[in-house]
């Protein structure tokens, strides 16, 4: 199932950039122009994450995130990751974001990889030990066990390749998973694999390792419900 993200930004060009980055990252995106509109959308729909600017007209991001957290509590909804988009990098400014209710921050100006990496980490935080239920598509149910076993094999092979610095092998293996995970109903697996591929193309060992851990955590905790 594709994850839904509410992206909030008052500048039209940055709002379009957010939509492009998130859509290409495999997310379904709703857009809001200010905090007031964002709070209304958040109360009327269910989102997997929120990415929101801090300085906006009508209602700023700090006020909006507080109201969103109140809506979660009053509706007994689980807290979703919320990332603050901010050009302020002083420790006290970042602390204000966290104290207001944000999960983390993304520095402006941001790149696509930076945004997707931060969102993936936020969505996968706390995955270990948490059961993930996925209902199998009847058309693909018979192939899913083999697909997941192959993903575990590919993950082990990528970790081995990482120790050798064999990035071409990692790119090939991660591309296989990212290209088919969503088809079988495992969109987070596709996203994490796509981020592995992007990091491997840059020979970024740290990011490859981080996203491989996300793949392993997902595979360890995913439970498939068959029709």
Foldseek 3Di string as FASTA:
>chain_A
DAFEEEEEAQDVVVQVVVVVLQVVLRHHYDYYNALVVVLVVLLVDPGQEYEYEADHPPHGPLVSQLSSVVSCVVVVHDDHAYEYEEQDDDPVVQVSSVVSPHPGYQHPPDDSLSVLLVNLCRSLVPLAPDAAEFEWDQVCVVPVVVLLVVLVVLLVVLVVCLVVLNLVSLLVSLCVCLVCCVVGPNNSLNSLSVSLNVCSVVSNSVSNVVSSVSNVSCSVRYDYDYD
